[in-house]
Amino acid sequence: MRAGRFRALAARMDALLVSRLGDRAIREDGTELFGIFVSPFISGELSGGSHRIGAVANAEDVQQPTFTARVIDTVGFKKGTPLIVDLPPVDGGGAYVVVQLKPDGSGMVDVILRPGNERIQNPA
């Protein structure tokens, strides 16, 4: 097997799977990318009802919304880059801003997000 052949085949497989099964997001320039969106929900039990979350849970343990995508699809992302997650609002869809990139070494990257200033109703 030629050097790099495995990586090329894995990249093709990742591209196919992510494009067919992934959640759609829209970059600032209007191009789309696909990945896995996770938006954790903090329930009343975790937050202690009307109490502040800091009194009950370590703030570092609370996950932020994350969009996991192929590294090649996130080229140019940096802190502050806008990203629209094309899902219904009940599933966490809307406008976000990139906070941090966490590559996992396998060609995928966790794009850590925070809600943008404006949430959207109908993504492009």
PDB file of N, CA and C in Angstrom:
ATOM      1  N   MET A   1       0.840  -1.176   0.000  1.00  0.00           N
ATOM      2  CA  MET A   1       0.000   0.000   0.000  1.00  0.00           C
ATOM      3  C   MET A   1       0.888   1.243   0.000  1.00  0.00           C
ATOM      4  N   ARG A   2       0.608   2.147  -0.896  1.00  0.00           N
ATOM      5  CA  ARG A   2       1.374   3.389  -0.971  1.00  0.00           C
ATOM      6  C   ARG A   2       1.196   4.226   0.285  1.00  0.00           C
ATOM      7  N   ALA A   3       2.247   4.955   0.626  1.00  0.00           N
ATOM      8  CA  ALA A   3       2.163   5.855   1.783  1.00  0.00           C
ATOM      9  C   ALA A   3       1.073   6.891   1.539  1.00  0.00           C
ATOM     10  N   GLY A   4       0.241   7.121   2.516  1.00  0.00           N
ATOM     11  CA  GLY A   4      -0.814   8.120   2.391  1.00  0.00           C
ATOM     12  C   GLY A   4      -2.108   7.595   1.793  1.00  0.00           C
ATOM     13  N   ARG A   5      -2.092   6.386   1.256  1.00  0.00           N
ATOM     14  CA  ARG A   5      -3.304   5.851   0.626  1.00  0.00           C
ATOM     15  C   ARG A   5      -4.429   5.679   1.652  1.00  0.00           C
ATOM     16  N   PHE A   6      -4.078   5.167   2.832  1.00  0.00           N
ATOM     17  CA  PHE A   6      -5.085   4.987   3.873  1.00  0.00           C
ATOM     18  C   PHE A   6      -5.731   6.322   4.229  1.00  0.00           C
ATOM     19  N   ARG A   7      -4.902   7.357   4.407  1.00  0.00           N
ATOM     20  CA  ARG A   7      -5.438   8.679   4.759  1.00  0.00           C
ATOM     21  C   ARG A   7      -6.351   9.217   3.659  1.00  0.00           C
ATOM     22  N   ALA A   8      -5.988   9.003   2.410  1.00  0.00           N
ATOM     23  CA  ALA A   8      -6.817   9.467   1.297  1.00  0.00           C
ATOM     24  C   ALA A   8      -8.163   8.748   1.291  1.00  0.00           C
ATOM     25  N   LEU A   9      -8.148   7.439   1.506  1.00  0.00           N
ATOM     26  CA  LEU A   9      -9.396   6.676   1.547  1.00  0.00           C
ATOM     27  C   LEU A   9     -10.251   7.085   2.744  1.00  0.00           C
ATOM     28  N   ALA A  10      -9.625   7.284   3.888  1.00  0.00           N
ATOM     29  CA  ALA A  10     -10.363   7.709   5.078  1.00  0.00           C
ATOM     30  C   ALA A  10     -10.982   9.094   4.870  1.00  0.00           C
ATOM     31  N   ALA A  11     -10.265   9.988   4.228  1.00  0.00           N
ATOM     32  CA  ALA A  11     -10.787  11.333   3.965  1.00  0.00           C
ATOM     33  C   ALA A  11     -11.997  11.276   3.039  1.00  0.00           C
ATOM     34  N   ARG A  12     -11.943  10.431   2.014  1.00  0.00           N
ATOM     35  CA  ARG A  12     -13.089  10.264   1.104  1.00  0.00           C
ATOM     36  C   ARG A  12     -14.292   9.705   1.851  1.00  0.00           C
ATOM     37  N   MET A  13     -14.054   8.705   2.696  1.00  0.00           N
ATOM     38  CA  MET A  13     -15.135   8.107   3.473  1.00  0.00           C
ATOM     39  C   MET A  13     -15.747   9.144   4.425  1.00  0.00           C
ATOM     40  N   ASP A  14     -14.904   9.903   5.134  1.00  0.00           N
ATOM     41  CA  ASP A  14     -15.403  10.938   6.045  1.00  0.00           C
ATOM     42  C   ASP A  14     -16.252  11.959   5.299  1.00  0.00           C
ATOM     43  N   ALA A  15     -15.781  12.397   4.132  1.00  0.00           N
ATOM     44  CA  ALA A  15     -16.509  13.393   3.346  1.00  0.00           C
ATOM     45  C   ALA A  15     -17.892  12.874   2.963  1.00  0.00           C
ATOM     46  N   LEU A  16     -17.963  11.631   2.540  1.00  0.00           N
ATOM     47  CA  LEU A  16     -19.238  11.043   2.138  1.00  0.00           C
ATOM     48  C   LEU A  16     -20.182  10.912   3.333  1.00  0.00           C
ATOM     49  N   LEU A  17     -19.698  10.366   4.436  1.00  0.00           N
ATOM     50  CA  LEU A  17     -20.542  10.173   5.608  1.00  0.00           C
ATOM     51  C   LEU A  17     -21.040  11.495   6.179  1.00  0.00           C
ATOM     52  N   VAL A  18     -20.150  12.456   6.312  1.00  0.00           N
ATOM     53  CA  VAL A  18     -20.536  13.743   6.888  1.00  0.00           C
ATOM     54  C   VAL A  18     -21.537  14.460   5.985  1.00  0.00           C
ATOM     55  N   SER A  19     -21.343  14.417   4.680  1.00  0.00           N
ATOM     56  CA  SER A  19     -22.266  15.112   3.779  1.00  0.00           C
ATOM     57  C   SER A  19     -23.639  14.444   3.726  1.00  0.00           C
ATOM     58  N   ARG A  20     -23.695  13.139   3.927  1.00  0.00           N
ATOM     59  CA  ARG A  20     -24.978  12.422   3.871  1.00  0.00           C
ATOM     60  C   ARG A  20     -25.704  12.399   5.205  1.00  0.00           C
ATOM     61  N   LEU A  21     -24.971  12.346   6.296  1.00  0.00           N
ATOM     62  CA  LEU A  21     -25.591  12.156   7.610  1.00  0.00           C
ATOM     63  C   LEU A  21     -25.490  13.358   8.539  1.00  0.00           C
ATOM     64  N   GLY A  22     -24.646  14.314   8.195  1.00  0.00           N
ATOM     65  CA  GLY A  22     -24.373  15.420   9.112  1.00  0.00           C
ATOM     66  C   GLY A  22     -25.430  16.500   9.126  1.00  0.00           C
ATOM     67  N   ASP A  23     -25.344  17.339  10.144  1.00  0.00           N
ATOM     68  CA  ASP A  23     -26.169  18.534  10.252  1.00  0.00           C
ATOM     69  C   ASP A  23     -25.554  19.610   9.366  1.00  0.00           C
ATOM     70  N   ARG A  24     -26.402  20.435   8.772  1.00  0.00           N
ATOM     71  CA  ARG A  24     -25.942  21.490   7.861  1.00  0.00           C
ATOM     72  C   ARG A  24     -25.682  22.781   8.637  1.00  0.00           C
ATOM     73  N   ALA A  25     -24.592  23.431   8.276  1.00  0.00           N
ATOM     74  CA  ALA A  25     -24.287  24.763   8.809  1.00  0.00           C
ATOM     75  C   ALA A  25     -23.888  25.653   7.642  1.00  0.00           C
ATOM     76  N   ILE A  26     -23.989  26.946   7.852  1.00  0.00           N
ATOM     77  CA  ILE A  26     -23.699  27.904   6.784  1.00  0.00           C
ATOM     78  C   ILE A  26     -22.638  28.875   7.279  1.00  0.00           C
ATOM     79  N   ARG A  27     -21.583  28.972   6.469  1.00  0.00           N
ATOM     80  CA  ARG A  27     -20.477  29.886   6.797  1.00  0.00           C
ATOM     81  C   ARG A  27     -20.862  31.322   6.484  1.00  0.00           C
ATOM     82  N   GLU A  28     -20.036  32.236   6.912  1.00  0.00           N
ATOM     83  CA  GLU A  28     -20.253  33.667   6.704  1.00  0.00           C
ATOM     84  C   GLU A  28     -20.402  34.023   5.225  1.00  0.00           C
ATOM     85  N   ASP A  29     -19.661  33.323   4.341  1.00  0.00           N
ATOM     86  CA  ASP A  29     -19.716  33.625   2.909  1.00  0.00           C
ATOM     87  C   ASP A  29     -20.853  32.898   2.187  1.00  0.00           C
ATOM     88  N   GLY A  30     -21.680  32.162   2.932  1.00  0.00           N
ATOM     89  CA  GLY A  30     -22.827  31.479   2.339  1.00  0.00           C
ATOM     90  C   GLY A  30     -22.584  30.028   1.948  1.00  0.00           C
ATOM     91  N   THR A  31     -21.338  29.572   2.017  1.00  0.00           N
ATOM     92  CA  THR A  31     -21.076  28.169   1.689  1.00  0.00           C
ATOM     93  C   THR A  31     -21.527  27.291   2.854  1.00  0.00           C
ATOM     94  N   GLU A  32     -21.915  26.073   2.512  1.00  0.00           N
ATOM     95  CA  GLU A  32     -22.383  25.168   3.544  1.00  0.00           C
ATOM     96  C   GLU A  32     -21.319  24.160   3.920  1.00  0.00           C
ATOM     97  N   LEU A  33     -21.426  23.667   5.129  1.00  0.00           N
ATOM     98  CA  LEU A  33     -20.583  22.576   5.576  1.00  0.00           C
ATOM     99  C   LEU A  33     -21.455  21.671   6.431  1.00  0.00           C
ATOM    100  N   PHE A  34     -20.995  20.457   6.616  1.00  0.00           N
ATOM    101  CA  PHE A  34     -21.774  19.481   7.358  1.00  0.00           C
ATOM    102  C   PHE A  34     -20.948  18.936   8.506  1.00  0.00           C
ATOM    103  N   GLY A  35     -21.623  18.605   9.580  1.00  0.00           N
ATOM    104  CA  GLY A  35     -20.960  18.060  10.754  1.00  0.00           C
ATOM    105  C   GLY A  35     -21.996  17.602  11.759  1.00  0.00           C
ATOM    106  N   ILE A  36     -21.564  17.473  12.984  1.00  0.00           N
ATOM    107  CA  ILE A  36     -22.447  17.011  14.058  1.00  0.00           C
ATOM    108  C   ILE A  36     -22.595  18.140  15.056  1.00  0.00           C
ATOM    109  N   PHE A  37     -23.826  18.598  15.254  1.00  0.00           N
ATOM    110  CA  PHE A  37     -24.089  19.686  16.186  1.00  0.00           C
ATOM    111  C   PHE A  37     -24.611  19.117  17.491  1.00  0.00           C
ATOM    112  N   VAL A  38     -24.028  19.574  18.595  1.00  0.00           N
ATOM    113  CA  VAL A  38     -24.475  19.179  19.929  1.00  0.00           C
ATOM    114  C   VAL A  38     -24.683  20.456  20.734  1.00  0.00           C
ATOM    115  N   SER A  39     -25.886  20.593  21.280  1.00  0.00           N
ATOM    116  CA  SER A  39     -26.198  21.743  22.114  1.00  0.00           C
ATOM    117  C   SER A  39     -26.700  21.239  23.453  1.00  0.00           C
ATOM    118  N   PRO A  40     -25.813  21.156  24.447  1.00  0.00           N
ATOM    119  CA  PRO A  40     -26.203  20.632  25.755  1.00  0.00           C
ATOM    120  C   PRO A  40     -27.276  21.488  26.413  1.00  0.00           C
ATOM    121  N   PHE A  41     -28.122  20.840  27.164  1.00  0.00           N
ATOM    122  CA  PHE A  41     -29.192  21.521  27.872  1.00  0.00           C
ATOM    123  C   PHE A  41     -28.938  21.386  29.366  1.00  0.00           C
ATOM    124  N   ILE A  42     -29.005  22.479  30.069  1.00  0.00           N
ATOM    125  CA  ILE A  42     -28.835  22.450  31.510  1.00  0.00           C
ATOM    126  C   ILE A  42     -30.219  22.488  32.128  1.00  0.00           C
ATOM    127  N   SER A  43     -30.625  21.390  32.747  1.00  0.00           N
ATOM    128  CA  SER A  43     -31.965  21.302  33.323  1.00  0.00           C
ATOM    129  C   SER A  43     -32.033  22.019  34.661  1.00  0.00           C
ATOM    130  N   GLY A  44     -33.232  22.156  35.170  1.00  0.00           N
ATOM    131  CA  GLY A  44     -33.454  22.793  36.460  1.00  0.00           C
ATOM    132  C   GLY A  44     -32.764  22.052  37.581  1.00  0.00           C
ATOM    133  N   GLU A  45     -32.690  20.694  37.481  1.00  0.00           N
ATOM    134  CA  GLU A  45     -32.040  19.927  38.539  1.00  0.00           C
ATOM    135  C   GLU A  45     -30.554  20.261  38.616  1.00  0.00           C
ATOM    136  N   LEU A  46     -29.890  20.377  37.471  1.00  0.00           N
ATOM    137  CA  LEU A  46     -28.454  20.664  37.467  1.00  0.00           C
ATOM    138  C   LEU A  46     -28.183  22.081  37.954  1.00  0.00           C
ATOM    139  N   SER A  47     -29.005  23.006  37.501  1.00  0.00           N
ATOM    140  CA  SER A  47     -28.742  24.400  37.847  1.00  0.00           C
ATOM    141  C   SER A  47     -29.267  24.763  39.228  1.00  0.00           C
ATOM    142  N   GLY A  48     -30.002  23.831  39.874  1.00  0.00           N
ATOM    143  CA  GLY A  48     -30.507  24.119  41.211  1.00  0.00           C
ATOM    144  C   GLY A  48     -31.728  25.013  41.185  1.00  0.00           C
ATOM    145  N   GLY A  49     -32.526  24.912  40.117  1.00  0.00           N
ATOM    146  CA  GLY A  49     -33.743  25.713  40.009  1.00  0.00           C
ATOM    147  C   GLY A  49     -33.401  27.170  39.788  1.00  0.00           C
ATOM    148  N   SER A  50     -33.767  28.017  40.744  1.00  0.00           N
ATOM    149  CA  SER A  50     -33.526  29.448  40.573  1.00  0.00           C
ATOM    150  C   SER A  50     -32.132  29.859  41.035  1.00  0.00           C
ATOM    151  N   HIS A  51     -31.335  28.906  41.543  1.00  0.00           N
ATOM    152  CA  HIS A  51     -29.990  29.225  42.001  1.00  0.00           C
ATOM    153  C   HIS A  51     -29.044  29.394  40.815  1.00  0.00           C
ATOM    154  N   ARG A  52     -27.985  30.099  41.038  1.00  0.00           N
ATOM    155  CA  ARG A  52     -26.959  30.240  40.000  1.00  0.00           C
ATOM    156  C   ARG A  52     -26.243  28.912  39.818  1.00  0.00           C
ATOM    157  N   ILE A  53     -25.859  28.629  38.582  1.00  0.00           N
ATOM    158  CA  ILE A  53     -25.198  27.352  38.287  1.00  0.00           C
ATOM    159  C   ILE A  53     -23.864  27.218  38.999  1.00  0.00           C
ATOM    160  N   GLY A  54     -23.187  28.310  39.244  1.00  0.00           N
ATOM    161  CA  GLY A  54     -21.888  28.250  39.902  1.00  0.00           C
ATOM    162  C   GLY A  54     -21.950  27.663  41.302  1.00  0.00           C
ATOM    163  N   ALA A  55     -23.109  27.761  41.938  1.00  0.00           N
ATOM    164  CA  ALA A  55     -23.255  27.233  43.284  1.00  0.00           C
ATOM    165  C   ALA A  55     -23.400  25.713  43.290  1.00  0.00           C
ATOM    166  N   VAL A  56     -23.781  25.126  42.156  1.00  0.00           N
ATOM    167  CA  VAL A  56     -24.062  23.693  42.111  1.00  0.00           C
ATOM    168  C   VAL A  56     -23.059  22.928  41.257  1.00  0.00           C
ATOM    169  N   ALA A  57     -22.627  23.504  40.149  1.00  0.00           N
ATOM    170  CA  ALA A  57     -21.749  22.796  39.214  1.00  0.00           C
ATOM    171  C   ALA A  57     -20.540  23.657  38.880  1.00  0.00           C
ATOM    172  N   ASN A  58     -19.448  22.986  38.562  1.00  0.00           N
ATOM    173  CA  ASN A  58     -18.250  23.675  38.108  1.00  0.00           C
ATOM    174  C   ASN A  58     -18.521  24.206  36.702  1.00  0.00           C
ATOM    175  N   ALA A  59     -18.364  25.489  36.484  1.00  0.00           N
ATOM    176  CA  ALA A  59     -18.674  26.090  35.184  1.00  0.00           C
ATOM    177  C   ALA A  59     -17.860  25.467  34.064  1.00  0.00           C
ATOM    178  N   GLU A  60     -16.649  24.966  34.364  1.00  0.00           N
ATOM    179  CA  GLU A  60     -15.818  24.349  33.330  1.00  0.00           C
ATOM    180  C   GLU A  60     -16.387  23.012  32.869  1.00  0.00           C
ATOM    181  N   ASP A  61     -17.224  22.379  33.712  1.00  0.00           N
ATOM    182  CA  ASP A  61     -17.823  21.099  33.355  1.00  0.00           C
ATOM    183  C   ASP A  61     -19.054  21.254  32.475  1.00  0.00           C
ATOM    184  N   VAL A  62     -19.583  22.457  32.385  1.00  0.00           N
ATOM    185  CA  VAL A  62     -20.763  22.697  31.563  1.00  0.00           C
ATOM    186  C   VAL A  62     -20.304  22.862  30.119  1.00  0.00           C
ATOM    187  N   GLN A  63     -20.832  22.014  29.254  1.00  0.00           N
ATOM    188  CA  GLN A  63     -20.395  22.039  27.862  1.00  0.00           C
ATOM    189  C   GLN A  63     -21.047  23.178  27.091  1.00  0.00           C
ATOM    190  N   GLN A  64     -20.325  23.653  26.098  1.00  0.00           N
ATOM    191  CA  GLN A  64     -20.835  24.681  25.219  1.00  0.00           C
ATOM    192  C   GLN A  64     -21.343  24.015  23.950  1.00  0.00           C
ATOM    193  N   PRO A  65     -22.195  24.711  23.181  1.00  0.00           N
ATOM    194  CA  PRO A  65     -22.613  24.149  21.898  1.00  0.00           C
ATOM    195  C   PRO A  65     -21.375  23.865  21.043  1.00  0.00           C
ATOM    196  N   THR A  66     -21.384  22.717  20.364  1.00  0.00           N
ATOM    197  CA  THR A  66     -20.235  22.274  19.583  1.00  0.00           C
ATOM    198  C   THR A  66     -20.685  21.764  18.225  1.00  0.00           C
ATOM    199  N   PHE A  67     -19.947  22.136  17.194  1.00  0.00           N
ATOM    200  CA  PHE A  67     -20.169  21.629  15.844  1.00  0.00           C
ATOM    201  C   PHE A  67     -18.892  20.895  15.439  1.00  0.00           C
ATOM    202  N   THR A  68     -18.978  19.582  15.314  1.00  0.00           N
ATOM    203  CA  THR A  68     -17.813  18.777  14.941  1.00  0.00           C
ATOM    204  C   THR A  68     -17.827  18.573  13.437  1.00  0.00           C
ATOM    205  N   ALA A  69     -16.737  18.967  12.778  1.00  0.00           N
ATOM    206  CA  ALA A  69     -16.662  18.913  11.313  1.00  0.00           C
ATOM    207  C   ALA A  69     -15.267  18.461  10.886  1.00  0.00           C
ATOM    208  N   ARG A  70     -15.114  18.240   9.587  1.00  0.00           N
ATOM    209  CA  ARG A  70     -13.792  17.897   9.057  1.00  0.00           C
ATOM    210  C   ARG A  70     -12.904  19.136   9.120  1.00  0.00           C
ATOM    211  N   VAL A  71     -11.658  18.942   9.452  1.00  0.00           N
ATOM    212  CA  VAL A  71     -10.709  20.055   9.542  1.00  0.00           C
ATOM    213  C   VAL A  71     -10.667  20.832   8.232  1.00  0.00           C
ATOM    214  N   ILE A  72     -10.660  20.115   7.127  1.00  0.00           N
ATOM    215  CA  ILE A  72     -10.568  20.770   5.812  1.00  0.00           C
ATOM    216  C   ILE A  72     -11.752  21.703   5.548  1.00  0.00           C
ATOM    217  N   ASP A  73     -12.910  21.404   6.146  1.00  0.00           N
ATOM    218  CA  ASP A  73     -14.100  22.237   5.951  1.00  0.00           C
ATOM    219  C   ASP A  73     -14.115  23.471   6.849  1.00  0.00           C
ATOM    220  N   THR A  74     -13.208  23.518   7.825  1.00  0.00           N
ATOM    221  CA  THR A  74     -13.186  24.647   8.757  1.00  0.00           C
ATOM    222  C   THR A  74     -11.984  25.568   8.543  1.00  0.00           C
ATOM    223  N   VAL A  75     -11.306  25.402   7.438  1.00  0.00           N
ATOM    224  CA  VAL A  75     -10.170  26.275   7.123  1.00  0.00           C
ATOM    225  C   VAL A  75     -10.658  27.727   7.112  1.00  0.00           C
ATOM    226  N   GLY A  76      -9.954  28.577   7.807  1.00  0.00           N
ATOM    227  CA  GLY A  76     -10.318  29.988   7.886  1.00  0.00           C
ATOM    228  C   GLY A  76     -11.136  30.323   9.122  1.00  0.00           C
ATOM    229  N   PHE A  77     -11.621  29.322   9.840  1.00  0.00           N
ATOM    230  CA  PHE A  77     -12.338  29.593  11.084  1.00  0.00           C
ATOM    231  C   PHE A  77     -11.351  30.120  12.117  1.00  0.00           C
ATOM    232  N   LYS A  78     -11.781  31.100  12.854  1.00  0.00           N
ATOM    233  CA  LYS A  78     -11.005  31.627  13.971  1.00  0.00           C
ATOM    234  C   LYS A  78     -11.999  32.183  14.980  1.00  0.00           C
ATOM    235  N   LYS A  79     -11.514  32.569  16.113  1.00  0.00           N
ATOM    236  CA  LYS A  79     -12.380  33.122  17.150  1.00  0.00           C
ATOM    237  C   LYS A  79     -13.165  34.300  16.577  1.00  0.00           C
ATOM    238  N   GLY A  80     -14.483  34.260  16.760  1.00  0.00           N
ATOM    239  CA  GLY A  80     -15.341  35.342  16.269  1.00  0.00           C
ATOM    240  C   GLY A  80     -16.002  35.069  14.928  1.00  0.00           C
ATOM    241  N   THR A  81     -15.626  33.978  14.257  1.00  0.00           N
ATOM    242  CA  THR A  81     -16.232  33.648  12.962  1.00  0.00           C
ATOM    243  C   THR A  81     -17.699  33.278  13.158  1.00  0.00           C
ATOM    244  N   PRO A  82     -18.620  33.916  12.417  1.00  0.00           N
ATOM    245  CA  PRO A  82     -20.032  33.553  12.541  1.00  0.00           C
ATOM    246  C   PRO A  82     -20.339  32.222  11.837  1.00  0.00           C
ATOM    247  N   LEU A  83     -21.296  31.475  12.394  1.00  0.00           N
ATOM    248  CA  LEU A  83     -21.725  30.206  11.817  1.00  0.00           C
ATOM    249  C   LEU A  83     -23.205  30.039  12.118  1.00  0.00           C
ATOM    250  N   ILE A  84     -23.977  29.710  11.095  1.00  0.00           N
ATOM    251  CA  ILE A  84     -25.408  29.460  11.266  1.00  0.00           C
ATOM    252  C   ILE A  84     -25.636  27.959  11.222  1.00  0.00           C
ATOM    253  N   VAL A  85     -26.223  27.420  12.277  1.00  0.00           N
ATOM    254  CA  VAL A  85     -26.562  26.000  12.327  1.00  0.00           C
ATOM    255  C   VAL A  85     -27.986  25.869  11.808  1.00  0.00           C
ATOM    256  N   ASP A  86     -28.145  25.129  10.716  1.00  0.00           N
ATOM    257  CA  ASP A  86     -29.426  25.006  10.018  1.00  0.00           C
ATOM    258  C   ASP A  86     -30.267  23.872  10.612  1.00  0.00           C
ATOM    259  N   LEU A  87     -30.760  24.119  11.806  1.00  0.00           N
ATOM    260  CA  LEU A  87     -31.657  23.198  12.495  1.00  0.00           C
ATOM    261  C   LEU A  87     -32.811  24.012  13.066  1.00  0.00           C
ATOM    262  N   PRO A  88     -33.925  23.373  13.397  1.00  0.00           N
ATOM    263  CA  PRO A  88     -35.005  24.112  14.049  1.00  0.00           C
ATOM    264  C   PRO A  88     -34.530  24.685  15.388  1.00  0.00           C
ATOM    265  N   PRO A  89     -35.083  25.820  15.798  1.00  0.00           N
ATOM    266  CA  PRO A  89     -34.668  26.425  17.073  1.00  0.00           C
ATOM    267  C   PRO A  89     -34.795  25.473  18.265  1.00  0.00           C
ATOM    268  N   VAL A  90     -35.780  24.608  18.251  1.00  0.00           N
ATOM    269  CA  VAL A  90     -35.967  23.671  19.360  1.00  0.00           C
ATOM    270  C   VAL A  90     -34.785  22.699  19.476  1.00  0.00           C
ATOM    271  N   ASP A  91     -34.072  22.483  18.373  1.00  0.00           N
ATOM    272  CA  ASP A  91     -32.888  21.623  18.359  1.00  0.00           C
ATOM    273  C   ASP A  91     -31.601  22.416  18.496  1.00  0.00           C
ATOM    274  N   GLY A  92     -31.726  23.716  18.744  1.00  0.00           N
ATOM    275  CA  GLY A  92     -30.544  24.550  18.947  1.00  0.00           C
ATOM    276  C   GLY A  92     -30.076  25.299  17.717  1.00  0.00           C
ATOM    277  N   GLY A  93     -30.808  25.206  16.623  1.00  0.00           N
ATOM    278  CA  GLY A  93     -30.404  25.891  15.398  1.00  0.00           C
ATOM    279  C   GLY A  93     -30.414  27.397  15.570  1.00  0.00           C
ATOM    280  N   GLY A  94     -29.600  28.069  14.775  1.00  0.00           N
ATOM    281  CA  GLY A  94     -29.539  29.515  14.822  1.00  0.00           C
ATOM    282  C   GLY A  94     -28.138  30.031  14.596  1.00  0.00           C
ATOM    283  N   ALA A  95     -27.954  31.289  14.934  1.00  0.00           N
ATOM    284  CA  ALA A  95     -26.672  31.962  14.709  1.00  0.00           C
ATOM    285  C   ALA A  95     -25.743  31.767  15.896  1.00  0.00           C
ATOM    286  N   TYR A  96     -24.499  31.418  15.583  1.00  0.00           N
ATOM    287  CA  TYR A  96     -23.470  31.202  16.594  1.00  0.00           C
ATOM    288  C   TYR A  96     -22.190  31.907  16.179  1.00  0.00           C
ATOM    289  N   VAL A  97     -21.257  31.986  17.118  1.00  0.00           N
ATOM    290  CA  VAL A  97     -19.938  32.558  16.880  1.00  0.00           C
ATOM    291  C   VAL A  97     -18.908  31.548  17.389  1.00  0.00           C
ATOM    292  N   VAL A  98     -17.849  31.355  16.610  1.00  0.00           N
ATOM    293  CA  VAL A  98     -16.788  30.427  16.998  1.00  0.00           C
ATOM    294  C   VAL A  98     -16.017  30.990  18.191  1.00  0.00           C
ATOM    295  N   VAL A  99     -15.830  30.136  19.200  1.00  0.00           N
ATOM    296  CA  VAL A  99     -15.078  30.505  20.391  1.00  0.00           C
ATOM    297  C   VAL A  99     -13.691  29.869  20.358  1.00  0.00           C
ATOM    298  N   GLN A 100     -13.629  28.604  19.933  1.00  0.00           N
ATOM    299  CA  GLN A 100     -12.371  27.869  19.973  1.00  0.00           C
ATOM    300  C   GLN A 100     -12.453  26.674  19.019  1.00  0.00           C
ATOM    301  N   LEU A 101     -11.307  26.259  18.494  1.00  0.00           N
ATOM    302  CA  LEU A 101     -11.205  25.055  17.671  1.00  0.00           C
ATOM    303  C   LEU A 101     -10.383  24.026  18.433  1.00  0.00           C
ATOM    304  N   LYS A 102     -10.893  22.777  18.477  1.00  0.00           N
ATOM    305  CA  LYS A 102     -10.181  21.699  19.165  1.00  0.00           C
ATOM    306  C   LYS A 102     -10.031  20.516  18.215  1.00  0.00           C
ATOM    307  N   PRO A 103      -8.947  20.492  17.413  1.00  0.00           N
ATOM    308  CA  PRO A 103      -8.716  19.344  16.529  1.00  0.00           C
ATOM    309  C   PRO A 103      -8.490  18.084  17.357  1.00  0.00           C
ATOM    310  N   ASP A 104      -8.990  16.935  16.843  1.00  0.00           N
ATOM    311  CA  ASP A 104      -8.827  15.688  17.605  1.00  0.00           C
ATOM    312  C   ASP A 104      -7.725  14.789  17.060  1.00  0.00           C
ATOM    313  N   GLY A 105      -7.039  15.213  16.010  1.00  0.00           N
ATOM    314  CA  GLY A 105      -5.929  14.439  15.461  1.00  0.00           C
ATOM    315  C   GLY A 105      -6.336  13.411  14.415  1.00  0.00           C
ATOM    316  N   SER A 106      -7.634  13.275  14.170  1.00  0.00           N
ATOM    317  CA  SER A 106      -8.103  12.290  13.191  1.00  0.00           C
ATOM    318  C   SER A 106      -8.673  12.946  11.934  1.00  0.00           C
ATOM    319  N   GLY A 107      -8.460  14.242  11.797  1.00  0.00           N
ATOM    320  CA  GLY A 107      -9.013  14.956  10.646  1.00  0.00           C
ATOM    321  C   GLY A 107     -10.327  15.641  10.958  1.00  0.00           C
ATOM    322  N   MET A 108     -10.768  15.553  12.214  1.00  0.00           N
ATOM    323  CA  MET A 108     -11.999  16.206  12.649  1.00  0.00           C
ATOM    324  C   MET A 108     -11.629  17.274  13.682  1.00  0.00           C
ATOM    325  N   VAL A 109     -12.512  18.256  13.830  1.00  0.00           N
ATOM    326  CA  VAL A 109     -12.277  19.336  14.782  1.00  0.00           C
ATOM    327  C   VAL A 109     -13.594  19.672  15.470  1.00  0.00           C
ATOM    328  N   ASP A 110     -13.519  19.875  16.792  1.00  0.00           N
ATOM    329  CA  ASP A 110     -14.667  20.365  17.545  1.00  0.00           C
ATOM    330  C   ASP A 110     -14.615  21.883  17.484  1.00  0.00           C
ATOM    331  N   VAL A 111     -15.646  22.470  16.905  1.00  0.00           N
ATOM    332  CA  VAL A 111     -15.756  23.925  16.841  1.00  0.00           C
ATOM    333  C   VAL A 111     -16.652  24.336  18.011  1.00  0.00           C
ATOM    334  N   ILE A 112     -16.047  24.917  19.033  1.00  0.00           N
ATOM    335  CA  ILE A 112     -16.780  25.343  20.217  1.00  0.00           C
ATOM    336  C   ILE A 112     -17.454  26.673  19.883  1.00  0.00           C
ATOM    337  N   LEU A 113     -18.744  26.765  20.193  1.00  0.00           N
ATOM    338  CA  LEU A 113     -19.549  27.915  19.801  1.00  0.00           C
ATOM    339  C   LEU A 113     -20.161  28.612  21.006  1.00  0.00           C
ATOM    340  N   ARG A 114     -20.591  29.830  20.776  1.00  0.00           N
ATOM    341  CA  ARG A 114     -21.459  30.533  21.711  1.00  0.00           C
ATOM    342  C   ARG A 114     -22.566  31.160  20.873  1.00  0.00           C
ATOM    343  N   PRO A 115     -23.753  31.332  21.448  1.00  0.00           N
ATOM    344  CA  PRO A 115     -24.833  31.942  20.671  1.00  0.00           C
ATOM    345  C   PRO A 115     -24.424  33.320  20.170  1.00  0.00           C
ATOM    346  N   GLY A 116     -24.827  33.618  18.922  1.00  0.00           N
ATOM    347  CA  GLY A 116     -24.569  34.937  18.358  1.00  0.00           C
ATOM    348  C   GLY A 116     -25.537  35.942  18.951  1.00  0.00           C
ATOM    349  N   ASN A 117     -25.374  37.195  18.608  1.00  0.00           N
ATOM    350  CA  ASN A 117     -26.246  38.240  19.133  1.00  0.00           C
ATOM    351  C   ASN A 117     -27.671  38.113  18.628  1.00  0.00           C
ATOM    352  N   GLU A 118     -27.823  37.575  17.422  1.00  0.00           N
ATOM    353  CA  GLU A 118     -29.166  37.436  16.850  1.00  0.00           C
ATOM    354  C   GLU A 118     -29.408  35.973  16.536  1.00  0.00           C
ATOM    355  N   ARG A 119     -30.536  35.447  16.987  1.00  0.00           N
ATOM    356  CA  ARG A 119     -30.945  34.096  16.613  1.00  0.00           C
ATOM    357  C   ARG A 119     -31.785  34.242  15.361  1.00  0.00           C
ATOM    358  N   ILE A 120     -31.756  33.252  14.485  1.00  0.00           N
ATOM    359  CA  ILE A 120     -32.471  33.350  13.225  1.00  0.00           C
ATOM    360  C   ILE A 120     -33.676  32.435  13.223  1.00  0.00           C
ATOM    361  N   GLN A 121     -34.664  32.749  12.428  1.00  0.00           N
ATOM    362  CA  GLN A 121     -35.845  31.927  12.278  1.00  0.00           C
ATOM    363  C   GLN A 121     -35.722  30.950  11.124  1.00  0.00           C
ATOM    364  N   ASN A 122     -35.293  31.447   9.962  1.00  0.00           N
ATOM    365  CA  ASN A 122     -35.174  30.622   8.757  1.00  0.00           C
ATOM    366  C   ASN A 122     -33.781  30.757   8.171  1.00  0.00           C
ATOM    367  N   PRO A 123     -32.912  29.762   8.397  1.00  0.00           N
ATOM    368  CA  PRO A 123     -31.564  29.853   7.836  1.00  0.00           C
ATOM    369  C   PRO A 123     -31.586  29.820   6.314  1.00  0.00           C
ATOM    370  N   ALA A 124     -30.537  30.382   5.708  1.00  0.00           N
ATOM    371  CA  ALA A 124     -30.456  30.438   4.248  1.00  0.00           C
ATOM    372  C   ALA A 124     -30.367  29.072   3.632  1.00  0.00           C
TER     373      ALA A 124
END
